[in-house]
Amino acid sequence: MLLRRVLLTGMLAFFLIGLMLPSSILTLSPIPKAHAASHPIRLAGAFYTGWNGSNPGPTITVTKGDTVSLTLVSGDSAPHTFIIDVDKDGVIASPNCSLDKCSPQFTNTANYRFTVDFGPGTYTYYCSIHLTSMIGTFIVPGPDYGASSNPSSLTIPQGASANSSVSITSLNNFAGSVTLTSSPSSPPGLLTSSFSVNPVIVPPSGTAKSNFTISVPAGTSPASYSITVTAKNSTTFSHSTTVSVTVVIPDFKITLSSPSLAIPPGSSGSVMVTLTSLSGFSGTVSLTTTLSSPGPQLTFSPTSVVLSSSGSTSSTLSVSAASSGAYSTLVPQGNYNVNVTGTSGSLVHSATLALTVGSSSGAGALPTSAIIGVGIASAIAVVAAIIYFLRRRPKTKR
């Protein structure tokens, strides 16, 4: 019972103390997301060659909030220091190390680690012992963004359009509005373009996208073009990305299921005619045929086809060598060339079918059995005529 009273009394006291505390103490601020990257860097210093063998030394670029781990080496066994002029009071022998970044003096090897808690800006690093022969540039970039396009190259038929996605990506925690513009194509052409979103709002450490549509009018000359997209915010930042465009003429091709066809006299056969769209062609293609010489009958089913963009379709070409007409004229045997033509506006393409009716040894050639039959029939006819005339001859009186 006593323990219960103690617990209740404690809880009540804690509640009363909480009511008396300022609201600022009770409110917990959100912990910001940290940008943390570690950069191990090795610098060898010598008064006669500078940092890493050059003067000025290599440019060092890091982001605010990053950690730099320096391995410092004396290349000439002389004493050196590494100083970053953060307060920008100049390259001096006695830097203000309460503001500047100052390593300990080293004559062999030393490790110096610090956090980049200054910037953005461009600063000078140097040796405070060798002021003119050991200097370099230290850059802490500010918030910025990058521009890119995907895909960066497009193939577009005349009279069509295509899309590329333009991405604006935050760098160093940039956030804000970015306006997109597109330049005229190079070389100059009739190409037009538009953005689905403009301006775009870039979130911190994020990416904003806009659909970039490029349209090619029907009269645009087939060639390679490029359009530059410029992304600019309200300050001085401006970045660009380029989209390459290849303009092509829509077309189609015609193919046969077989390049040749052989049919017996009085019979028929067929081949499949396939039309295939090229470079985004769409439309109606009419089919016709021409023969190298009159004879077989040719028909299409259907006589015209409708092609969709990037599609294909077929028609059946039927060939008949059967007798036709009032007097049942036989189709001459032999070899024929059938020219199959597809036409759509100014576009015309053809394919050739090698057609054989009967034997392929030559037009009008008769088989050996037919020749023997004709010879036998002729011999029988001659014998019959002789017998007939002998019977009709007058008898001689004795």
Protein backbone atom coordinates (compact mmCIF):
# COMPACT_ATOMS: atom_id res chain seq x y z
CA MET A 1 0.00 0.00 0.00
CA LEU A 2 2.83 2.36 0.87
CA LEU A 3 4.60 1.62 -2.44
CA ARG A 4 1.45 2.45 -4.35
CA ARG A 5 1.15 5.85 -2.63
CA VAL A 6 4.80 6.64 -3.41
CA LEU A 7 4.34 5.85 -7.11
CA LEU A 8 1.20 7.96 -7.38
CA THR A 9 2.87 10.87 -5.57
CA GLY A 10 5.89 10.70 -7.94
CA MET A 11 3.76 10.68 -11.06
CA LEU A 12 1.79 13.67 -9.83
CA ALA A 13 4.92 15.61 -9.02
CA PHE A 14 6.39 14.88 -12.46
CA PHE A 15 3.17 16.11 -14.08
CA LEU A 16 3.18 19.36 -12.09
CA ILE A 17 6.83 20.03 -12.91
CA GLY A 18 6.07 19.49 -16.61
CA LEU A 19 3.32 22.11 -16.46
CA MET A 20 5.72 24.65 -14.97
CA LEU A 21 8.48 24.13 -17.54
CA PRO A 22 8.71 26.54 -20.52
CA SER A 23 7.18 25.23 -23.71
CA SER A 24 10.48 25.70 -25.51
CA ILE A 25 12.07 23.01 -23.35
CA LEU A 26 9.28 20.56 -23.98
CA THR A 27 9.37 20.99 -27.78
CA LEU A 28 11.90 18.71 -29.50
CA SER A 29 13.34 20.05 -32.73
CA PRO A 30 13.53 17.60 -35.66
CA ILE A 31 17.01 16.24 -36.36
CA PRO A 32 18.09 17.35 -39.82
CA LYS A 33 19.36 14.80 -42.29
CA ALA A 34 23.11 14.89 -42.40
CA HIS A 35 25.16 14.93 -45.58
CA ALA A 36 28.18 12.88 -44.58
CA ALA A 37 30.93 11.78 -46.91
CA SER A 38 34.49 10.91 -46.02
CA HIS A 39 37.34 11.96 -48.30
CA PRO A 40 40.76 10.37 -47.74
CA ILE A 41 43.34 12.62 -49.43
CA ARG A 42 47.10 12.22 -49.60
CA LEU A 43 49.32 15.28 -50.10
CA ALA A 44 53.09 15.18 -50.40
CA GLY A 45 54.71 18.56 -49.91
CA ALA A 46 58.12 19.85 -50.92
CA PHE A 47 59.24 23.47 -51.10
CA TYR A 48 60.87 22.99 -54.50
CA THR A 49 58.09 20.98 -56.20
CA GLY A 50 54.92 22.11 -54.38
CA TRP A 51 52.05 19.81 -53.37
CA ASN A 52 52.05 16.42 -55.09
CA GLY A 53 54.76 17.61 -57.44
CA SER A 54 53.09 20.77 -58.77
CA ASN A 55 52.58 24.39 -57.84
CA PRO A 56 49.78 25.20 -57.59
CA GLY A 57 48.86 21.81 -56.21
CA PRO A 58 45.80 19.71 -57.11
CA THR A 59 42.39 21.34 -56.69
CA ILE A 60 40.40 19.79 -53.84
CA THR A 61 36.59 19.89 -54.09
CA VAL A 62 34.36 18.70 -51.24
CA THR A 63 30.85 19.44 -49.98
CA LYS A 64 29.98 21.31 -46.83
CA GLY A 65 29.45 18.81 -44.02
CA ASP A 66 31.94 16.29 -45.43
CA THR A 67 34.90 14.95 -43.48
CA VAL A 68 38.39 15.21 -44.92
CA SER A 69 41.11 12.81 -43.74
CA LEU A 70 44.48 14.15 -44.86
CA THR A 71 47.66 12.09 -44.98
CA LEU A 72 50.44 14.68 -45.11
CA VAL A 73 53.93 13.68 -46.21
CA SER A 74 57.08 15.80 -46.28
CA GLY A 75 58.79 15.05 -49.54
CA ASP A 76 61.97 16.93 -48.72
CA SER A 77 62.27 16.21 -44.94
CA ALA A 78 61.74 19.91 -44.31
CA PRO A 79 59.04 21.14 -41.90
CA HIS A 80 55.66 21.95 -43.46
CA THR A 81 52.09 22.82 -42.50
CA PHE A 82 48.73 22.55 -44.26
CA ILE A 83 46.53 25.65 -43.92
CA ILE A 84 43.12 26.46 -45.46
CA ASP A 85 42.53 30.22 -45.53
CA VAL A 86 38.91 30.04 -44.37
CA ASP A 87 38.75 33.66 -43.19
CA LYS A 88 40.40 34.77 -46.45
CA ASP A 89 42.93 37.07 -44.82
CA GLY A 90 45.60 35.97 -47.27
CA VAL A 91 48.53 33.56 -47.47
CA ILE A 92 50.38 34.51 -44.32
CA ALA A 93 52.97 33.00 -42.01
CA SER A 94 50.78 33.36 -38.91
CA PRO A 95 47.26 32.17 -39.86
CA ASN A 96 44.29 32.57 -37.51
CA CYS A 97 43.81 28.91 -36.65
CA SER A 98 40.67 29.63 -34.65
CA LEU A 99 38.99 30.23 -38.03
CA ASP A 100 41.36 28.66 -40.55
CA LYS A 101 41.98 24.93 -40.79
CA CYS A 102 45.55 24.34 -39.59
CA SER A 103 47.38 21.05 -39.41
CA PRO A 104 50.23 20.46 -37.00
CA GLN A 105 53.71 21.00 -38.36
CA PHE A 106 55.23 17.85 -39.87
CA THR A 107 58.67 16.85 -41.14
CA ASN A 108 57.84 13.24 -41.99
CA THR A 109 54.20 12.06 -42.01
CA ALA A 110 51.11 13.40 -40.23
CA ASN A 111 47.38 12.74 -40.23
CA TYR A 112 45.00 15.69 -40.10
CA ARG A 113 41.22 15.22 -39.99
CA PHE A 114 38.62 17.99 -40.10
CA THR A 115 34.99 18.64 -40.98
CA VAL A 116 34.12 21.07 -43.75
CA ASP A 117 31.97 23.42 -41.67
CA PHE A 118 32.53 26.46 -43.88
CA GLY A 119 31.52 27.57 -47.36
CA PRO A 120 30.33 27.53 -49.98
CA GLY A 121 33.20 29.28 -51.67
CA THR A 122 36.68 28.99 -53.15
CA TYR A 123 39.61 29.05 -50.75
CA THR A 124 43.41 28.77 -50.83
CA TYR A 125 45.35 26.06 -49.06
CA TYR A 126 49.07 26.56 -48.47
CA CYS A 127 52.10 25.84 -46.31
CA SER A 128 52.66 28.63 -43.77
CA ILE A 129 56.40 28.01 -43.96
CA HIS A 130 56.73 28.06 -47.77
CA LEU A 131 54.15 30.66 -48.71
CA THR A 132 54.75 30.98 -52.45
CA SER A 133 55.94 27.54 -53.49
CA MET A 134 53.25 25.38 -51.83
CA ILE A 135 49.74 26.62 -52.57
CA GLY A 136 46.54 25.16 -54.04
CA THR A 137 42.76 25.66 -54.39
CA PHE A 138 40.10 24.26 -52.06
CA ILE A 139 36.50 24.46 -53.34
CA VAL A 140 33.28 24.03 -51.36
CA PRO A 141 30.48 24.20 -53.93
CA GLY A 142 27.12 25.66 -53.03
CA PRO A 143 23.64 24.30 -53.82
CA ASP A 144 23.30 23.55 -57.51
CA TYR A 145 21.52 21.21 -59.91
CA GLY A 146 22.26 19.14 -62.99
CA ALA A 147 20.28 18.66 -66.21
CA SER A 148 20.03 15.45 -68.27
CA SER A 149 17.78 13.89 -70.93
CA ASN A 150 16.76 10.27 -71.52
CA PRO A 151 16.89 9.16 -74.22
CA SER A 152 19.38 11.70 -75.50
CA SER A 153 18.88 10.64 -79.14
CA LEU A 154 15.64 10.03 -81.06
CA THR A 155 14.71 8.78 -84.54
CA ILE A 156 11.48 10.43 -85.70
CA PRO A 157 9.67 9.91 -89.04
CA GLN A 158 8.36 12.90 -90.98
CA GLY A 159 4.95 13.92 -89.65
CA ALA A 160 5.46 12.20 -86.27
CA SER A 161 6.66 13.08 -82.75
CA ALA A 162 8.64 11.44 -79.93
CA ASN A 163 9.42 12.09 -76.27
CA SER A 164 12.52 12.48 -74.11
CA SER A 165 12.42 12.87 -70.34
CA VAL A 166 14.33 15.92 -69.02
CA SER A 167 15.54 15.48 -65.42
CA ILE A 168 16.70 18.27 -63.11
CA THR A 169 18.59 16.80 -60.16
CA SER A 170 19.39 18.61 -56.92
CA LEU A 171 23.08 18.92 -56.00
CA ASN A 172 24.33 19.95 -52.57
CA ASN A 173 20.77 20.20 -51.24
CA PHE A 174 19.51 22.60 -53.90
CA ALA A 175 15.76 23.24 -53.86
CA GLY A 176 13.68 25.59 -55.97
CA SER A 177 11.98 26.40 -59.25
CA VAL A 178 13.80 25.80 -62.55
CA THR A 179 12.50 27.10 -65.89
CA LEU A 180 13.09 25.08 -69.08
CA THR A 181 13.61 26.51 -72.56
CA SER A 182 14.55 24.84 -75.85
CA SER A 183 16.69 26.34 -78.59
CA PRO A 184 15.91 26.10 -82.33
CA SER A 185 17.28 22.94 -83.88
CA SER A 186 20.77 22.85 -85.32
CA PRO A 187 20.96 22.88 -88.30
CA PRO A 188 17.79 24.98 -88.63
CA GLY A 189 14.68 22.92 -89.41
CA LEU A 190 10.94 22.84 -88.89
CA LEU A 191 11.15 20.89 -85.63
CA THR A 192 8.93 22.05 -82.75
CA SER A 193 9.08 21.12 -79.06
CA SER A 194 7.15 21.48 -75.82
CA PHE A 195 7.37 20.56 -72.10
CA SER A 196 4.69 18.78 -70.09
CA VAL A 197 5.76 20.64 -66.91
CA ASN A 198 7.42 24.04 -66.90
CA PRO A 199 8.83 25.31 -64.61
CA VAL A 200 9.75 22.26 -62.56
CA ILE A 201 10.04 22.31 -58.77
CA VAL A 202 13.17 20.54 -57.59
CA PRO A 203 13.00 19.08 -54.06
CA PRO A 204 16.07 19.02 -51.77
CA SER A 205 18.31 16.08 -52.70
CA GLY A 206 15.67 15.00 -55.25
CA THR A 207 14.87 15.09 -58.98
CA ALA A 208 12.11 16.81 -60.98
CA LYS A 209 11.14 15.65 -64.48
CA SER A 210 9.35 17.07 -67.50
CA ASN A 211 8.28 15.25 -70.64
CA PHE A 212 10.01 16.89 -73.63
CA THR A 213 8.03 16.31 -76.85
CA ILE A 214 9.68 16.92 -80.24
CA SER A 215 7.46 17.08 -83.33
CA VAL A 216 8.62 16.74 -86.94
CA PRO A 217 6.31 18.24 -89.62
CA ALA A 218 5.77 16.27 -92.83
CA GLY A 219 7.93 18.64 -94.90
CA THR A 220 11.06 18.41 -92.73
CA SER A 221 14.13 17.31 -94.66
CA PRO A 222 15.60 13.96 -93.62
CA ALA A 223 18.78 14.79 -91.67
CA SER A 224 20.37 14.78 -88.21
CA TYR A 225 19.35 17.63 -85.89
CA SER A 226 20.02 18.63 -82.27
CA ILE A 227 17.94 20.64 -79.80
CA THR A 228 19.43 22.10 -76.61
CA VAL A 229 17.32 22.33 -73.44
CA THR A 230 18.43 25.04 -71.00
CA ALA A 231 17.44 24.85 -67.32
CA LYS A 232 17.71 28.12 -65.42
CA ASN A 233 16.60 29.24 -61.97
CA SER A 234 16.01 32.73 -60.62
CA THR A 235 19.69 33.22 -59.73
CA THR A 236 22.69 32.78 -61.96
CA PHE A 237 22.50 28.98 -62.28
CA SER A 238 22.05 27.72 -65.82
CA HIS A 239 22.65 24.20 -67.11
CA SER A 240 21.76 22.48 -70.36
CA THR A 241 21.31 19.10 -72.01
CA THR A 242 21.11 18.23 -75.73
CA VAL A 243 18.77 15.85 -77.54
CA SER A 244 19.85 14.55 -80.97
CA VAL A 245 17.10 13.91 -83.56
CA THR A 246 17.37 11.87 -86.76
CA VAL A 247 14.51 12.62 -89.19
CA VAL A 248 13.62 9.75 -91.53
CA ILE A 249 11.07 9.23 -94.34
CA PRO A 250 8.27 6.75 -93.52
CA ASP A 251 8.34 3.86 -95.99
CA PHE A 252 7.35 0.23 -96.47
CA LYS A 253 8.80 -2.90 -98.02
CA ILE A 254 7.19 -5.73 -100.00
CA THR A 255 8.24 -9.39 -99.78
CA LEU A 256 6.97 -12.70 -101.20
CA SER A 257 6.63 -15.96 -99.26
CA SER A 258 8.52 -17.64 -102.14
CA PRO A 259 10.51 -16.17 -105.04
CA SER A 260 9.20 -18.83 -107.47
CA LEU A 261 6.03 -20.84 -108.19
CA ALA A 262 5.47 -23.84 -110.49
CA ILE A 263 1.97 -25.05 -111.42
CA PRO A 264 0.77 -27.75 -113.84
CA PRO A 265 -1.26 -26.74 -116.92
CA GLY A 266 -4.92 -26.29 -116.05
CA SER A 267 -4.11 -25.88 -112.32
CA SER A 268 -3.50 -23.00 -109.91
CA GLY A 269 -1.29 -21.93 -107.01
CA SER A 270 -0.64 -18.98 -104.68
CA VAL A 271 2.02 -17.03 -102.79
CA MET A 272 1.73 -14.70 -99.82
CA VAL A 273 2.59 -11.01 -100.34
CA THR A 274 3.70 -9.26 -97.10
CA LEU A 275 3.87 -5.47 -96.62
CA THR A 276 5.95 -4.18 -93.68
CA SER A 277 6.03 -0.65 -92.25
CA LEU A 278 9.41 1.11 -92.09
CA SER A 279 10.28 4.24 -90.07
CA GLY A 280 6.77 4.65 -88.73
CA PHE A 281 4.91 4.38 -92.05
CA SER A 282 1.12 4.01 -91.84
CA GLY A 283 -1.43 4.08 -94.64
CA THR A 284 -3.04 2.14 -97.49
CA VAL A 285 -0.96 0.20 -100.02
CA SER A 286 -2.58 -0.83 -103.33
CA LEU A 287 -1.38 -4.03 -105.05
CA THR A 288 -1.04 -4.64 -108.79
CA THR A 289 0.74 -7.14 -111.06
CA THR A 290 2.25 -7.18 -114.54
CA LEU A 291 3.16 -10.28 -116.59
CA SER A 292 6.12 -10.66 -118.91
CA SER A 293 3.70 -12.21 -121.47
CA PRO A 294 -0.06 -12.93 -121.50
CA GLY A 295 -1.28 -16.21 -120.11
CA PRO A 296 -2.00 -17.00 -116.43
CA GLN A 297 -4.74 -15.21 -114.50
CA LEU A 298 -3.60 -13.23 -111.41
CA THR A 299 -5.80 -12.02 -108.53
CA PHE A 300 -5.15 -10.49 -105.07
CA SER A 301 -7.16 -11.09 -101.91
CA PRO A 302 -7.38 -8.31 -100.81
CA THR A 303 -6.31 -5.89 -103.55
CA SER A 304 -5.15 -3.27 -101.00
CA VAL A 305 -3.96 -3.44 -97.39
CA VAL A 306 -3.82 -0.95 -94.51
CA LEU A 307 -0.51 -0.74 -92.65
CA SER A 308 -0.21 0.55 -89.09
CA SER A 309 2.95 2.19 -87.78
CA SER A 310 5.65 -0.44 -87.17
CA GLY A 311 3.24 -3.19 -88.31
CA SER A 312 2.90 -5.65 -91.19
CA THR A 313 0.04 -7.29 -93.08
CA SER A 314 -0.41 -9.71 -96.01
CA SER A 315 -2.42 -10.38 -99.17
CA THR A 316 -2.74 -13.66 -101.11
CA LEU A 317 -1.72 -13.65 -104.79
CA SER A 318 -3.53 -16.45 -106.63
CA VAL A 319 -2.23 -17.70 -110.01
CA SER A 320 -4.41 -19.78 -112.35
CA ALA A 321 -3.27 -21.68 -115.46
CA ALA A 322 -6.73 -23.12 -116.17
CA SER A 323 -8.37 -22.71 -119.61
CA SER A 324 -10.58 -19.68 -120.00
CA GLY A 325 -12.77 -17.94 -122.51
CA ALA A 326 -15.55 -19.14 -124.82
CA TYR A 327 -13.22 -21.46 -126.72
CA SER A 328 -11.42 -22.79 -123.59
CA THR A 329 -8.01 -21.56 -124.68
CA LEU A 330 -5.22 -23.35 -122.86
CA VAL A 331 -2.66 -21.23 -120.98
CA PRO A 332 0.64 -21.63 -122.85
CA GLN A 333 3.22 -23.61 -120.95
CA GLY A 334 6.49 -21.91 -120.19
CA ASN A 335 8.25 -19.44 -117.89
CA TYR A 336 6.79 -16.07 -116.85
CA ASN A 337 7.96 -13.16 -114.70
CA VAL A 338 5.27 -11.66 -112.45
CA ASN A 339 6.06 -8.15 -111.18
CA VAL A 340 4.16 -7.56 -107.89
CA THR A 341 3.91 -3.83 -107.06
CA GLY A 342 2.75 -1.99 -103.93
CA THR A 343 1.84 1.70 -104.25
CA SER A 344 1.02 4.32 -101.60
CA GLY A 345 1.13 7.89 -102.84
CA SER A 346 4.61 8.55 -104.20
CA LEU A 347 6.00 5.40 -102.60
CA VAL A 348 6.31 2.44 -104.99
CA HIS A 349 8.04 -0.88 -104.27
CA SER A 350 8.08 -4.16 -106.21
CA ALA A 351 9.02 -7.82 -105.93
CA THR A 352 9.38 -10.38 -108.76
CA LEU A 353 7.85 -13.86 -108.84
CA ALA A 354 9.36 -16.47 -111.22
CA LEU A 355 6.33 -18.43 -112.51
CA THR A 356 6.49 -21.73 -114.42
CA VAL A 357 3.45 -23.31 -116.10
CA GLY A 358 4.03 -26.98 -116.98
CA SER A 359 7.55 -28.16 -117.80
CA SER A 360 10.35 -25.72 -117.16
CA SER A 361 12.35 -27.02 -120.19
CA GLY A 362 10.79 -24.51 -122.55
CA ALA A 363 7.53 -22.97 -123.74
CA GLY A 364 5.29 -25.29 -125.80
CA ALA A 365 7.54 -28.35 -125.37
CA LEU A 366 5.69 -31.67 -125.61
CA PRO A 367 6.56 -34.74 -123.52
CA THR A 368 8.17 -37.81 -125.21
CA SER A 369 5.03 -39.96 -124.72
CA ALA A 370 3.00 -37.41 -126.67
CA ILE A 371 5.46 -37.53 -129.56
CA ILE A 372 5.32 -41.38 -129.70
CA GLY A 373 1.52 -41.27 -129.62
CA VAL A 374 1.41 -38.88 -132.53
CA GLY A 375 3.74 -41.15 -134.55
CA ILE A 376 1.62 -44.27 -133.95
CA ALA A 377 -1.58 -42.43 -134.86
CA SER A 378 -0.02 -41.21 -138.08
CA ALA A 379 1.12 -44.74 -139.05
CA ILE A 380 -2.36 -46.16 -138.43
CA ALA A 381 -3.90 -43.45 -140.56
CA VAL A 382 -1.53 -44.22 -143.47
CA VAL A 383 -2.28 -47.98 -143.36
CA ALA A 384 -6.03 -47.35 -143.26
CA ALA A 385 -5.79 -45.09 -146.31
CA ILE A 386 -3.89 -47.71 -148.31
CA ILE A 387 -6.46 -50.41 -147.50
CA TYR A 388 -9.27 -48.08 -148.48
CA PHE A 389 -7.80 -47.24 -151.86
CA LEU A 390 -6.99 -50.90 -152.57
CA ARG A 391 -10.60 -51.87 -151.98
CA ARG A 392 -11.89 -49.15 -154.23
CA ARG A 393 -9.62 -50.07 -157.13
CA PRO A 394 -11.62 -51.66 -160.15
CA LYS A 395 -11.17 -55.42 -160.70
CA THR A 396 -9.53 -56.55 -164.04
CA LYS A 397 -11.54 -58.94 -166.36
CA ARG A 398 -9.87 -62.11 -167.41
